[in-house]
Amino acid sequence: DLASEMAESHSAYKLAREVLKLRET
């Protein structure tokens, strides 16, 4: 469960960074 939560959190972080890059573009 902890590993799943960490993976989801990491995925959300990566997605947020990608969204920020797209907004800058």
PDBML (XML) file of the C-alpha atoms, coordinates in Angstrom:
<?xml version="1.0" encoding="UTF-8" ?>
<PDBx:datablock datablockName="MODEL"
   xmlns:PDBx="http://pdbml.pdb.org/schema/pdbx-v50.xsd"
   xmlns:xsi="http://www.w3.org/2001/XMLSchema-instance"
   xsi:schemaLocation="http://pdbml.pdb.org/schema/pdbx-v50.xsd pdbx-v50.xsd">
   <PDBx:atom_siteCategory>
      <PDBx:atom_site id="1">
         <PDBx:B_iso_or_equiv>0.00</PDBx:B_iso_or_equiv>
         <PDBx:Cartn_x>0.000</PDBx:Cartn_x>
         <PDBx:Cartn_y>0.000</PDBx:Cartn_y>
         <PDBx:Cartn_z>0.000</PDBx:Cartn_z>
         <PDBx:auth_asym_id>A</PDBx:auth_asym_id>
         <PDBx:auth_atom_id>CA</PDBx:auth_atom_id>
         <PDBx:auth_comp_id>ASP</PDBx:auth_comp_id>
         <PDBx:auth_seq_id>1</PDBx:auth_seq_id>
         <PDBx:group_PDB>ATOM</PDBx:group_PDB>
         <PDBx:label_alt_id xsi:nil="true" />
         <PDBx:label_asym_id>A</PDBx:label_asym_id>
         <PDBx:label_atom_id>CA</PDBx:label_atom_id>
         <PDBx:label_comp_id>ASP</PDBx:label_comp_id>
         <PDBx:label_entity_id>1</PDBx:label_entity_id>
         <PDBx:label_seq_id>1</PDBx:label_seq_id>
         <PDBx:occupancy>1.00</PDBx:occupancy>
         <PDBx:pdbx_PDB_model_num>1</PDBx:pdbx_PDB_model_num>
         <PDBx:type_symbol>C</PDBx:type_symbol>
      </PDBx:atom_site>
      <PDBx:atom_site id="2">
         <PDBx:B_iso_or_equiv>0.00</PDBx:B_iso_or_equiv>
         <PDBx:Cartn_x>2.806</PDBx:Cartn_x>
         <PDBx:Cartn_y>2.382</PDBx:Cartn_y>
         <PDBx:Cartn_z>0.885</PDBx:Cartn_z>
         <PDBx:auth_asym_id>A</PDBx:auth_asym_id>
         <PDBx:auth_atom_id>CA</PDBx:auth_atom_id>
         <PDBx:auth_comp_id>LEU</PDBx:auth_comp_id>
         <PDBx:auth_seq_id>2</PDBx:auth_seq_id>
         <PDBx:group_PDB>ATOM</PDBx:group_PDB>
         <PDBx:label_alt_id xsi:nil="true" />
         <PDBx:label_asym_id>A</PDBx:label_asym_id>
         <PDBx:label_atom_id>CA</PDBx:label_atom_id>
         <PDBx:label_comp_id>LEU</PDBx:label_comp_id>
         <PDBx:label_entity_id>1</PDBx:label_entity_id>
         <PDBx:label_seq_id>2</PDBx:label_seq_id>
         <PDBx:occupancy>1.00</PDBx:occupancy>
         <PDBx:pdbx_PDB_model_num>1</PDBx:pdbx_PDB_model_num>
         <PDBx:type_symbol>C</PDBx:type_symbol>
      </PDBx:atom_site>
      <PDBx:atom_site id="3">
         <PDBx:B_iso_or_equiv>0.00</PDBx:B_iso_or_equiv>
         <PDBx:Cartn_x>4.616</PDBx:Cartn_x>
         <PDBx:Cartn_y>1.606</PDBx:Cartn_y>
         <PDBx:Cartn_z>-2.355</PDBx:Cartn_z>
         <PDBx:auth_asym_id>A</PDBx:auth_asym_id>
         <PDBx:auth_atom_id>CA</PDBx:auth_atom_id>
         <PDBx:auth_comp_id>ALA</PDBx:auth_comp_id>
         <PDBx:auth_seq_id>3</PDBx:auth_seq_id>
         <PDBx:group_PDB>ATOM</PDBx:group_PDB>
         <PDBx:label_alt_id xsi:nil="true" />
         <PDBx:label_asym_id>A</PDBx:label_asym_id>
         <PDBx:label_atom_id>CA</PDBx:label_atom_id>
         <PDBx:label_comp_id>ALA</PDBx:label_comp_id>
         <PDBx:label_entity_id>1</PDBx:label_entity_id>
         <PDBx:label_seq_id>3</PDBx:label_seq_id>
         <PDBx:occupancy>1.00</PDBx:occupancy>
         <PDBx:pdbx_PDB_model_num>1</PDBx:pdbx_PDB_model_num>
         <PDBx:type_symbol>C</PDBx:type_symbol>
      </PDBx:atom_site>
      <PDBx:atom_site id="4">
         <PDBx:B_iso_or_equiv>0.00</PDBx:B_iso_or_equiv>
         <PDBx:Cartn_x>1.388</PDBx:Cartn_x>
         <PDBx:Cartn_y>2.186</PDBx:Cartn_y>
         <PDBx:Cartn_z>-4.298</PDBx:Cartn_z>
         <PDBx:auth_asym_id>A</PDBx:auth_asym_id>
         <PDBx:auth_atom_id>CA</PDBx:auth_atom_id>
         <PDBx:auth_comp_id>SER</PDBx:auth_comp_id>
         <PDBx:auth_seq_id>4</PDBx:auth_seq_id>
         <PDBx:group_PDB>ATOM</PDBx:group_PDB>
         <PDBx:label_alt_id xsi:nil="true" />
         <PDBx:label_asym_id>A</PDBx:label_asym_id>
         <PDBx:label_atom_id>CA</PDBx:label_atom_id>
         <PDBx:label_comp_id>SER</PDBx:label_comp_id>
         <PDBx:label_entity_id>1</PDBx:label_entity_id>
         <PDBx:label_seq_id>4</PDBx:label_seq_id>
         <PDBx:occupancy>1.00</PDBx:occupancy>
         <PDBx:pdbx_PDB_model_num>1</PDBx:pdbx_PDB_model_num>
         <PDBx:type_symbol>C</PDBx:type_symbol>
      </PDBx:atom_site>
      <PDBx:atom_site id="5">
         <PDBx:B_iso_or_equiv>0.00</PDBx:B_iso_or_equiv>
         <PDBx:Cartn_x>0.861</PDBx:Cartn_x>
         <PDBx:Cartn_y>5.538</PDBx:Cartn_y>
         <PDBx:Cartn_z>-2.592</PDBx:Cartn_z>
         <PDBx:auth_asym_id>A</PDBx:auth_asym_id>
         <PDBx:auth_atom_id>CA</PDBx:auth_atom_id>
         <PDBx:auth_comp_id>GLU</PDBx:auth_comp_id>
         <PDBx:auth_seq_id>5</PDBx:auth_seq_id>
         <PDBx:group_PDB>ATOM</PDBx:group_PDB>
         <PDBx:label_alt_id xsi:nil="true" />
         <PDBx:label_asym_id>A</PDBx:label_asym_id>
         <PDBx:label_atom_id>CA</PDBx:label_atom_id>
         <PDBx:label_comp_id>GLU</PDBx:label_comp_id>
         <PDBx:label_entity_id>1</PDBx:label_entity_id>
         <PDBx:label_seq_id>5</PDBx:label_seq_id>
         <PDBx:occupancy>1.00</PDBx:occupancy>
         <PDBx:pdbx_PDB_model_num>1</PDBx:pdbx_PDB_model_num>
         <PDBx:type_symbol>C</PDBx:type_symbol>
      </PDBx:atom_site>
      <PDBx:atom_site id="6">
         <PDBx:B_iso_or_equiv>0.00</PDBx:B_iso_or_equiv>
         <PDBx:Cartn_x>4.432</PDBx:Cartn_x>
         <PDBx:Cartn_y>6.556</PDBx:Cartn_y>
         <PDBx:Cartn_z>-3.345</PDBx:Cartn_z>
         <PDBx:auth_asym_id>A</PDBx:auth_asym_id>
         <PDBx:auth_atom_id>CA</PDBx:auth_atom_id>
         <PDBx:auth_comp_id>MET</PDBx:auth_comp_id>
         <PDBx:auth_seq_id>6</PDBx:auth_seq_id>
         <PDBx:group_PDB>ATOM</PDBx:group_PDB>
         <PDBx:label_alt_id xsi:nil="true" />
         <PDBx:label_asym_id>A</PDBx:label_asym_id>
         <PDBx:label_atom_id>CA</PDBx:label_atom_id>
         <PDBx:label_comp_id>MET</PDBx:label_comp_id>
         <PDBx:label_entity_id>1</PDBx:label_entity_id>
         <PDBx:label_seq_id>6</PDBx:label_seq_id>
         <PDBx:occupancy>1.00</PDBx:occupancy>
         <PDBx:pdbx_PDB_model_num>1</PDBx:pdbx_PDB_model_num>
         <PDBx:type_symbol>C</PDBx:type_symbol>
      </PDBx:atom_site>
      <PDBx:atom_site id="7">
         <PDBx:B_iso_or_equiv>0.00</PDBx:B_iso_or_equiv>
         <PDBx:Cartn_x>4.072</PDBx:Cartn_x>
         <PDBx:Cartn_y>5.536</PDBx:Cartn_y>
         <PDBx:Cartn_z>-6.994</PDBx:Cartn_z>
         <PDBx:auth_asym_id>A</PDBx:auth_asym_id>
         <PDBx:auth_atom_id>CA</PDBx:auth_atom_id>
         <PDBx:auth_comp_id>ALA</PDBx:auth_comp_id>
         <PDBx:auth_seq_id>7</PDBx:auth_seq_id>
         <PDBx:group_PDB>ATOM</PDBx:group_PDB>
         <PDBx:label_alt_id xsi:nil="true" />
         <PDBx:label_asym_id>A</PDBx:label_asym_id>
         <PDBx:label_atom_id>CA</PDBx:label_atom_id>
         <PDBx:label_comp_id>ALA</PDBx:label_comp_id>
         <PDBx:label_entity_id>1</PDBx:label_entity_id>
         <PDBx:label_seq_id>7</PDBx:label_seq_id>
         <PDBx:occupancy>1.00</PDBx:occupancy>
         <PDBx:pdbx_PDB_model_num>1</PDBx:pdbx_PDB_model_num>
         <PDBx:type_symbol>C</PDBx:type_symbol>
      </PDBx:atom_site>
      <PDBx:atom_site id="8">
         <PDBx:B_iso_or_equiv>0.00</PDBx:B_iso_or_equiv>
         <PDBx:Cartn_x>0.835</PDBx:Cartn_x>
         <PDBx:Cartn_y>7.508</PDBx:Cartn_y>
         <PDBx:Cartn_z>-7.320</PDBx:Cartn_z>
         <PDBx:auth_asym_id>A</PDBx:auth_asym_id>
         <PDBx:auth_atom_id>CA</PDBx:auth_atom_id>
         <PDBx:auth_comp_id>GLU</PDBx:auth_comp_id>
         <PDBx:auth_seq_id>8</PDBx:auth_seq_id>
         <PDBx:group_PDB>ATOM</PDBx:group_PDB>
         <PDBx:label_alt_id xsi:nil="true" />
         <PDBx:label_asym_id>A</PDBx:label_asym_id>
         <PDBx:label_atom_id>CA</PDBx:label_atom_id>
         <PDBx:label_comp_id>GLU</PDBx:label_comp_id>
         <PDBx:label_entity_id>1</PDBx:label_entity_id>
         <PDBx:label_seq_id>8</PDBx:label_seq_id>
         <PDBx:occupancy>1.00</PDBx:occupancy>
         <PDBx:pdbx_PDB_model_num>1</PDBx:pdbx_PDB_model_num>
         <PDBx:type_symbol>C</PDBx:type_symbol>
      </PDBx:atom_site>
      <PDBx:atom_site id="9">
         <PDBx:B_iso_or_equiv>0.00</PDBx:B_iso_or_equiv>
         <PDBx:Cartn_x>2.446</PDBx:Cartn_x>
         <PDBx:Cartn_y>10.515</PDBx:Cartn_y>
         <PDBx:Cartn_z>-5.681</PDBx:Cartn_z>
         <PDBx:auth_asym_id>A</PDBx:auth_asym_id>
         <PDBx:auth_atom_id>CA</PDBx:auth_atom_id>
         <PDBx:auth_comp_id>SER</PDBx:auth_comp_id>
         <PDBx:auth_seq_id>9</PDBx:auth_seq_id>
         <PDBx:group_PDB>ATOM</PDBx:group_PDB>
         <PDBx:label_alt_id xsi:nil="true" />
         <PDBx:label_asym_id>A</PDBx:label_asym_id>
         <PDBx:label_atom_id>CA</PDBx:label_atom_id>
         <PDBx:label_comp_id>SER</PDBx:label_comp_id>
         <PDBx:label_entity_id>1</PDBx:label_entity_id>
         <PDBx:label_seq_id>9</PDBx:label_seq_id>
         <PDBx:occupancy>1.00</PDBx:occupancy>
         <PDBx:pdbx_PDB_model_num>1</PDBx:pdbx_PDB_model_num>
         <PDBx:type_symbol>C</PDBx:type_symbol>
      </PDBx:atom_site>
      <PDBx:atom_site id="10">
         <PDBx:B_iso_or_equiv>0.00</PDBx:B_iso_or_equiv>
         <PDBx:Cartn_x>5.452</PDBx:Cartn_x>
         <PDBx:Cartn_y>10.261</PDBx:Cartn_y>
         <PDBx:Cartn_z>-7.997</PDBx:Cartn_z>
         <PDBx:auth_asym_id>A</PDBx:auth_asym_id>
         <PDBx:auth_atom_id>CA</PDBx:auth_atom_id>
         <PDBx:auth_comp_id>HIS</PDBx:auth_comp_id>
         <PDBx:auth_seq_id>10</PDBx:auth_seq_id>
         <PDBx:group_PDB>ATOM</PDBx:group_PDB>
         <PDBx:label_alt_id xsi:nil="true" />
         <PDBx:label_asym_id>A</PDBx:label_asym_id>
         <PDBx:label_atom_id>CA</PDBx:label_atom_id>
         <PDBx:label_comp_id>HIS</PDBx:label_comp_id>
         <PDBx:label_entity_id>1</PDBx:label_entity_id>
         <PDBx:label_seq_id>10</PDBx:label_seq_id>
         <PDBx:occupancy>1.00</PDBx:occupancy>
         <PDBx:pdbx_PDB_model_num>1</PDBx:pdbx_PDB_model_num>
         <PDBx:type_symbol>C</PDBx:type_symbol>
      </PDBx:atom_site>
      <PDBx:atom_site id="11">
         <PDBx:B_iso_or_equiv>0.00</PDBx:B_iso_or_equiv>
         <PDBx:Cartn_x>3.170</PDBx:Cartn_x>
         <PDBx:Cartn_y>9.948</PDBx:Cartn_y>
         <PDBx:Cartn_z>-11.025</PDBx:Cartn_z>
         <PDBx:auth_asym_id>A</PDBx:auth_asym_id>
         <PDBx:auth_atom_id>CA</PDBx:auth_atom_id>
         <PDBx:auth_comp_id>SER</PDBx:auth_comp_id>
         <PDBx:auth_seq_id>11</PDBx:auth_seq_id>
         <PDBx:group_PDB>ATOM</PDBx:group_PDB>
         <PDBx:label_alt_id xsi:nil="true" />
         <PDBx:label_asym_id>A</PDBx:label_asym_id>
         <PDBx:label_atom_id>CA</PDBx:label_atom_id>
         <PDBx:label_comp_id>SER</PDBx:label_comp_id>
         <PDBx:label_entity_id>1</PDBx:label_entity_id>
         <PDBx:label_seq_id>11</PDBx:label_seq_id>
         <PDBx:occupancy>1.00</PDBx:occupancy>
         <PDBx:pdbx_PDB_model_num>1</PDBx:pdbx_PDB_model_num>
         <PDBx:type_symbol>C</PDBx:type_symbol>
      </PDBx:atom_site>
      <PDBx:atom_site id="12">
         <PDBx:B_iso_or_equiv>0.00</PDBx:B_iso_or_equiv>
         <PDBx:Cartn_x>1.151</PDBx:Cartn_x>
         <PDBx:Cartn_y>12.981</PDBx:Cartn_y>
         <PDBx:Cartn_z>-9.929</PDBx:Cartn_z>
         <PDBx:auth_asym_id>A</PDBx:auth_asym_id>
         <PDBx:auth_atom_id>CA</PDBx:auth_atom_id>
         <PDBx:auth_comp_id>ALA</PDBx:auth_comp_id>
         <PDBx:auth_seq_id>12</PDBx:auth_seq_id>
         <PDBx:group_PDB>ATOM</PDBx:group_PDB>
         <PDBx:label_alt_id xsi:nil="true" />
         <PDBx:label_asym_id>A</PDBx:label_asym_id>
         <PDBx:label_atom_id>CA</PDBx:label_atom_id>
         <PDBx:label_comp_id>ALA</PDBx:label_comp_id>
         <PDBx:label_entity_id>1</PDBx:label_entity_id>
         <PDBx:label_seq_id>12</PDBx:label_seq_id>
         <PDBx:occupancy>1.00</PDBx:occupancy>
         <PDBx:pdbx_PDB_model_num>1</PDBx:pdbx_PDB_model_num>
         <PDBx:type_symbol>C</PDBx:type_symbol>
      </PDBx:atom_site>
      <PDBx:atom_site id="13">
         <PDBx:B_iso_or_equiv>0.00</PDBx:B_iso_or_equiv>
         <PDBx:Cartn_x>4.380</PDBx:Cartn_x>
         <PDBx:Cartn_y>14.961</PDBx:Cartn_y>
         <PDBx:Cartn_z>-9.481</PDBx:Cartn_z>
         <PDBx:auth_asym_id>A</PDBx:auth_asym_id>
         <PDBx:auth_atom_id>CA</PDBx:auth_atom_id>
         <PDBx:auth_comp_id>TYR</PDBx:auth_comp_id>
         <PDBx:auth_seq_id>13</PDBx:auth_seq_id>
         <PDBx:group_PDB>ATOM</PDBx:group_PDB>
         <PDBx:label_alt_id xsi:nil="true" />
         <PDBx:label_asym_id>A</PDBx:label_asym_id>
         <PDBx:label_atom_id>CA</PDBx:label_atom_id>
         <PDBx:label_comp_id>TYR</PDBx:label_comp_id>
         <PDBx:label_entity_id>1</PDBx:label_entity_id>
         <PDBx:label_seq_id>13</PDBx:label_seq_id>
         <PDBx:occupancy>1.00</PDBx:occupancy>
         <PDBx:pdbx_PDB_model_num>1</PDBx:pdbx_PDB_model_num>
         <PDBx:type_symbol>C</PDBx:type_symbol>
      </PDBx:atom_site>
      <PDBx:atom_site id="14">
         <PDBx:B_iso_or_equiv>0.00</PDBx:B_iso_or_equiv>
         <PDBx:Cartn_x>5.610</PDBx:Cartn_x>
         <PDBx:Cartn_y>13.972</PDBx:Cartn_y>
         <PDBx:Cartn_z>-12.945</PDBx:Cartn_z>
         <PDBx:auth_asym_id>A</PDBx:auth_asym_id>
         <PDBx:auth_atom_id>CA</PDBx:auth_atom_id>
         <PDBx:auth_comp_id>LYS</PDBx:auth_comp_id>
         <PDBx:auth_seq_id>14</PDBx:auth_seq_id>
         <PDBx:group_PDB>ATOM</PDBx:group_PDB>
         <PDBx:label_alt_id xsi:nil="true" />
         <PDBx:label_asym_id>A</PDBx:label_asym_id>
         <PDBx:label_atom_id>CA</PDBx:label_atom_id>
         <PDBx:label_comp_id>LYS</PDBx:label_comp_id>
         <PDBx:label_entity_id>1</PDBx:label_entity_id>
         <PDBx:label_seq_id>14</PDBx:label_seq_id>
         <PDBx:occupancy>1.00</PDBx:occupancy>
         <PDBx:pdbx_PDB_model_num>1</PDBx:pdbx_PDB_model_num>
         <PDBx:type_symbol>C</PDBx:type_symbol>
      </PDBx:atom_site>
      <PDBx:atom_site id="15">
         <PDBx:B_iso_or_equiv>0.00</PDBx:B_iso_or_equiv>
         <PDBx:Cartn_x>2.259</PDBx:Cartn_x>
         <PDBx:Cartn_y>14.868</PDBx:Cartn_y>
         <PDBx:Cartn_z>-14.455</PDBx:Cartn_z>
         <PDBx:auth_asym_id>A</PDBx:auth_asym_id>
         <PDBx:auth_atom_id>CA</PDBx:auth_atom_id>
         <PDBx:auth_comp_id>LEU</PDBx:auth_comp_id>
         <PDBx:auth_seq_id>15</PDBx:auth_seq_id>
         <PDBx:group_PDB>ATOM</PDBx:group_PDB>
         <PDBx:label_alt_id xsi:nil="true" />
         <PDBx:label_asym_id>A</PDBx:label_asym_id>
         <PDBx:label_atom_id>CA</PDBx:label_atom_id>
         <PDBx:label_comp_id>LEU</PDBx:label_comp_id>
         <PDBx:label_entity_id>1</PDBx:label_entity_id>
         <PDBx:label_seq_id>15</PDBx:label_seq_id>
         <PDBx:occupancy>1.00</PDBx:occupancy>
         <PDBx:pdbx_PDB_model_num>1</PDBx:pdbx_PDB_model_num>
         <PDBx:type_symbol>C</PDBx:type_symbol>
      </PDBx:atom_site>
      <PDBx:atom_site id="16">
         <PDBx:B_iso_or_equiv>0.00</PDBx:B_iso_or_equiv>
         <PDBx:Cartn_x>2.230</PDBx:Cartn_x>
         <PDBx:Cartn_y>18.256</PDBx:Cartn_y>
         <PDBx:Cartn_z>-12.718</PDBx:Cartn_z>
         <PDBx:auth_asym_id>A</PDBx:auth_asym_id>
         <PDBx:auth_atom_id>CA</PDBx:auth_atom_id>
         <PDBx:auth_comp_id>ALA</PDBx:auth_comp_id>
         <PDBx:auth_seq_id>16</PDBx:auth_seq_id>
         <PDBx:group_PDB>ATOM</PDBx:group_PDB>
         <PDBx:label_alt_id xsi:nil="true" />
         <PDBx:label_asym_id>A</PDBx:label_asym_id>
         <PDBx:label_atom_id>CA</PDBx:label_atom_id>
         <PDBx:label_comp_id>ALA</PDBx:label_comp_id>
         <PDBx:label_entity_id>1</PDBx:label_entity_id>
         <PDBx:label_seq_id>16</PDBx:label_seq_id>
         <PDBx:occupancy>1.00</PDBx:occupancy>
         <PDBx:pdbx_PDB_model_num>1</PDBx:pdbx_PDB_model_num>
         <PDBx:type_symbol>C</PDBx:type_symbol>
      </PDBx:atom_site>
      <PDBx:atom_site id="17">
         <PDBx:B_iso_or_equiv>0.00</PDBx:B_iso_or_equiv>
         <PDBx:Cartn_x>5.721</PDBx:Cartn_x>
         <PDBx:Cartn_y>18.992</PDBx:Cartn_y>
         <PDBx:Cartn_z>-14.051</PDBx:Cartn_z>
         <PDBx:auth_asym_id>A</PDBx:auth_asym_id>
         <PDBx:auth_atom_id>CA</PDBx:auth_atom_id>
         <PDBx:auth_comp_id>ARG</PDBx:auth_comp_id>
         <PDBx:auth_seq_id>17</PDBx:auth_seq_id>
         <PDBx:group_PDB>ATOM</PDBx:group_PDB>
         <PDBx:label_alt_id xsi:nil="true" />
         <PDBx:label_asym_id>A</PDBx:label_asym_id>
         <PDBx:label_atom_id>CA</PDBx:label_atom_id>
         <PDBx:label_comp_id>ARG</PDBx:label_comp_id>
         <PDBx:label_entity_id>1</PDBx:label_entity_id>
         <PDBx:label_seq_id>17</PDBx:label_seq_id>
         <PDBx:occupancy>1.00</PDBx:occupancy>
         <PDBx:pdbx_PDB_model_num>1</PDBx:pdbx_PDB_model_num>
         <PDBx:type_symbol>C</PDBx:type_symbol>
      </PDBx:atom_site>
      <PDBx:atom_site id="18">
         <PDBx:B_iso_or_equiv>0.00</PDBx:B_iso_or_equiv>
         <PDBx:Cartn_x>4.652</PDBx:Cartn_x>
         <PDBx:Cartn_y>18.038</PDBx:Cartn_y>
         <PDBx:Cartn_z>-17.560</PDBx:Cartn_z>
         <PDBx:auth_asym_id>A</PDBx:auth_asym_id>
         <PDBx:auth_atom_id>CA</PDBx:auth_atom_id>
         <PDBx:auth_comp_id>GLU</PDBx:auth_comp_id>
         <PDBx:auth_seq_id>18</PDBx:auth_seq_id>
         <PDBx:group_PDB>ATOM</PDBx:group_PDB>
         <PDBx:label_alt_id xsi:nil="true" />
         <PDBx:label_asym_id>A</PDBx:label_asym_id>
         <PDBx:label_atom_id>CA</PDBx:label_atom_id>
         <PDBx:label_comp_id>GLU</PDBx:label_comp_id>
         <PDBx:label_entity_id>1</PDBx:label_entity_id>
         <PDBx:label_seq_id>18</PDBx:label_seq_id>
         <PDBx:occupancy>1.00</PDBx:occupancy>
         <PDBx:pdbx_PDB_model_num>1</PDBx:pdbx_PDB_model_num>
         <PDBx:type_symbol>C</PDBx:type_symbol>
      </PDBx:atom_site>
      <PDBx:atom_site id="19">
         <PDBx:B_iso_or_equiv>0.00</PDBx:B_iso_or_equiv>
         <PDBx:Cartn_x>1.594</PDBx:Cartn_x>
         <PDBx:Cartn_y>20.287</PDBx:Cartn_y>
         <PDBx:Cartn_z>-17.309</PDBx:Cartn_z>
         <PDBx:auth_asym_id>A</PDBx:auth_asym_id>
         <PDBx:auth_atom_id>CA</PDBx:auth_atom_id>
         <PDBx:auth_comp_id>VAL</PDBx:auth_comp_id>
         <PDBx:auth_seq_id>19</PDBx:auth_seq_id>
         <PDBx:group_PDB>ATOM</PDBx:group_PDB>
         <PDBx:label_alt_id xsi:nil="true" />
         <PDBx:label_asym_id>A</PDBx:label_asym_id>
         <PDBx:label_atom_id>CA</PDBx:label_atom_id>
         <PDBx:label_comp_id>VAL</PDBx:label_comp_id>
         <PDBx:label_entity_id>1</PDBx:label_entity_id>
         <PDBx:label_seq_id>19</PDBx:label_seq_id>
         <PDBx:occupancy>1.00</PDBx:occupancy>
         <PDBx:pdbx_PDB_model_num>1</PDBx:pdbx_PDB_model_num>
         <PDBx:type_symbol>C</PDBx:type_symbol>
      </PDBx:atom_site>
      <PDBx:atom_site id="20">
         <PDBx:B_iso_or_equiv>0.00</PDBx:B_iso_or_equiv>
         <PDBx:Cartn_x>3.809</PDBx:Cartn_x>
         <PDBx:Cartn_y>23.163</PDBx:Cartn_y>
         <PDBx:Cartn_z>-16.175</PDBx:Cartn_z>
         <PDBx:auth_asym_id>A</PDBx:auth_asym_id>
         <PDBx:auth_atom_id>CA</PDBx:auth_atom_id>
         <PDBx:auth_comp_id>LEU</PDBx:auth_comp_id>
         <PDBx:auth_seq_id>20</PDBx:auth_seq_id>
         <PDBx:group_PDB>ATOM</PDBx:group_PDB>
         <PDBx:label_alt_id xsi:nil="true" />
         <PDBx:label_asym_id>A</PDBx:label_asym_id>
         <PDBx:label_atom_id>CA</PDBx:label_atom_id>
         <PDBx:label_comp_id>LEU</PDBx:label_comp_id>
         <PDBx:label_entity_id>1</PDBx:label_entity_id>
         <PDBx:label_seq_id>20</PDBx:label_seq_id>
         <PDBx:occupancy>1.00</PDBx:occupancy>
         <PDBx:pdbx_PDB_model_num>1</PDBx:pdbx_PDB_model_num>
         <PDBx:type_symbol>C</PDBx:type_symbol>
      </PDBx:atom_site>
      <PDBx:atom_site id="21">
         <PDBx:B_iso_or_equiv>0.00</PDBx:B_iso_or_equiv>
         <PDBx:Cartn_x>6.154</PDBx:Cartn_x>
         <PDBx:Cartn_y>22.608</PDBx:Cartn_y>
         <PDBx:Cartn_z>-19.127</PDBx:Cartn_z>
         <PDBx:auth_asym_id>A</PDBx:auth_asym_id>
         <PDBx:auth_atom_id>CA</PDBx:auth_atom_id>
         <PDBx:auth_comp_id>LYS</PDBx:auth_comp_id>
         <PDBx:auth_seq_id>21</PDBx:auth_seq_id>
         <PDBx:group_PDB>ATOM</PDBx:group_PDB>
         <PDBx:label_alt_id xsi:nil="true" />
         <PDBx:label_asym_id>A</PDBx:label_asym_id>
         <PDBx:label_atom_id>CA</PDBx:label_atom_id>
         <PDBx:label_comp_id>LYS</PDBx:label_comp_id>
         <PDBx:label_entity_id>1</PDBx:label_entity_id>
         <PDBx:label_seq_id>21</PDBx:label_seq_id>
         <PDBx:occupancy>1.00</PDBx:occupancy>
         <PDBx:pdbx_PDB_model_num>1</PDBx:pdbx_PDB_model_num>
         <PDBx:type_symbol>C</PDBx:type_symbol>
      </PDBx:atom_site>
      <PDBx:atom_site id="22">
         <PDBx:B_iso_or_equiv>0.00</PDBx:B_iso_or_equiv>
         <PDBx:Cartn_x>3.196</PDBx:Cartn_x>
         <PDBx:Cartn_y>22.569</PDBx:Cartn_y>
         <PDBx:Cartn_z>-21.510</PDBx:Cartn_z>
         <PDBx:auth_asym_id>A</PDBx:auth_asym_id>
         <PDBx:auth_atom_id>CA</PDBx:auth_atom_id>
         <PDBx:auth_comp_id>LEU</PDBx:auth_comp_id>
         <PDBx:auth_seq_id>22</PDBx:auth_seq_id>
         <PDBx:group_PDB>ATOM</PDBx:group_PDB>
         <PDBx:label_alt_id xsi:nil="true" />
         <PDBx:label_asym_id>A</PDBx:label_asym_id>
         <PDBx:label_atom_id>CA</PDBx:label_atom_id>
         <PDBx:label_comp_id>LEU</PDBx:label_comp_id>
         <PDBx:label_entity_id>1</PDBx:label_entity_id>
         <PDBx:label_seq_id>22</PDBx:label_seq_id>
         <PDBx:occupancy>1.00</PDBx:occupancy>
         <PDBx:pdbx_PDB_model_num>1</PDBx:pdbx_PDB_model_num>
         <PDBx:type_symbol>C</PDBx:type_symbol>
      </PDBx:atom_site>
      <PDBx:atom_site id="23">
         <PDBx:B_iso_or_equiv>0.00</PDBx:B_iso_or_equiv>
         <PDBx:Cartn_x>1.840</PDBx:Cartn_x>
         <PDBx:Cartn_y>25.795</PDBx:Cartn_y>
         <PDBx:Cartn_z>-20.019</PDBx:Cartn_z>
         <PDBx:auth_asym_id>A</PDBx:auth_asym_id>
         <PDBx:auth_atom_id>CA</PDBx:auth_atom_id>
         <PDBx:auth_comp_id>ARG</PDBx:auth_comp_id>
         <PDBx:auth_seq_id>23</PDBx:auth_seq_id>
         <PDBx:group_PDB>ATOM</PDBx:group_PDB>
         <PDBx:label_alt_id xsi:nil="true" />
         <PDBx:label_asym_id>A</PDBx:label_asym_id>
         <PDBx:label_atom_id>CA</PDBx:label_atom_id>
         <PDBx:label_comp_id>ARG</PDBx:label_comp_id>
         <PDBx:label_entity_id>1</PDBx:label_entity_id>
         <PDBx:label_seq_id>23</PDBx:label_seq_id>
         <PDBx:occupancy>1.00</PDBx:occupancy>
         <PDBx:pdbx_PDB_model_num>1</PDBx:pdbx_PDB_model_num>
         <PDBx:type_symbol>C</PDBx:type_symbol>
      </PDBx:atom_site>
      <PDBx:atom_site id="24">
         <PDBx:B_iso_or_equiv>0.00</PDBx:B_iso_or_equiv>
         <PDBx:Cartn_x>5.227</PDBx:Cartn_x>
         <PDBx:Cartn_y>27.450</PDBx:Cartn_y>
         <PDBx:Cartn_z>-20.502</PDBx:Cartn_z>
         <PDBx:auth_asym_id>A</PDBx:auth_asym_id>
         <PDBx:auth_atom_id>CA</PDBx:auth_atom_id>
         <PDBx:auth_comp_id>GLU</PDBx:auth_comp_id>
         <PDBx:auth_seq_id>24</PDBx:auth_seq_id>
         <PDBx:group_PDB>ATOM</PDBx:group_PDB>
         <PDBx:label_alt_id xsi:nil="true" />
         <PDBx:label_asym_id>A</PDBx:label_asym_id>
         <PDBx:label_atom_id>CA</PDBx:label_atom_id>
         <PDBx:label_comp_id>GLU</PDBx:label_comp_id>
         <PDBx:label_entity_id>1</PDBx:label_entity_id>
         <PDBx:label_seq_id>24</PDBx:label_seq_id>
         <PDBx:occupancy>1.00</PDBx:occupancy>
         <PDBx:pdbx_PDB_model_num>1</PDBx:pdbx_PDB_model_num>
         <PDBx:type_symbol>C</PDBx:type_symbol>
      </PDBx:atom_site>
      <PDBx:atom_site id="25">
         <PDBx:B_iso_or_equiv>0.00</PDBx:B_iso_or_equiv>
         <PDBx:Cartn_x>5.317</PDBx:Cartn_x>
         <PDBx:Cartn_y>26.215</PDBx:Cartn_y>
         <PDBx:Cartn_z>-24.106</PDBx:Cartn_z>
         <PDBx:auth_asym_id>A</PDBx:auth_asym_id>
         <PDBx:auth_atom_id>CA</PDBx:auth_atom_id>
         <PDBx:auth_comp_id>THR</PDBx:auth_comp_id>
         <PDBx:auth_seq_id>25</PDBx:auth_seq_id>
         <PDBx:group_PDB>ATOM</PDBx:group_PDB>
         <PDBx:label_alt_id xsi:nil="true" />
         <PDBx:label_asym_id>A</PDBx:label_asym_id>
         <PDBx:label_atom_id>CA</PDBx:label_atom_id>
         <PDBx:label_comp_id>THR</PDBx:label_comp_id>
         <PDBx:label_entity_id>1</PDBx:label_entity_id>
         <PDBx:label_seq_id>25</PDBx:label_seq_id>
         <PDBx:occupancy>1.00</PDBx:occupancy>
         <PDBx:pdbx_PDB_model_num>1</PDBx:pdbx_PDB_model_num>
         <PDBx:type_symbol>C</PDBx:type_symbol>
      </PDBx:atom_site>
   </PDBx:atom_siteCategory>
</PDBx:datablock>
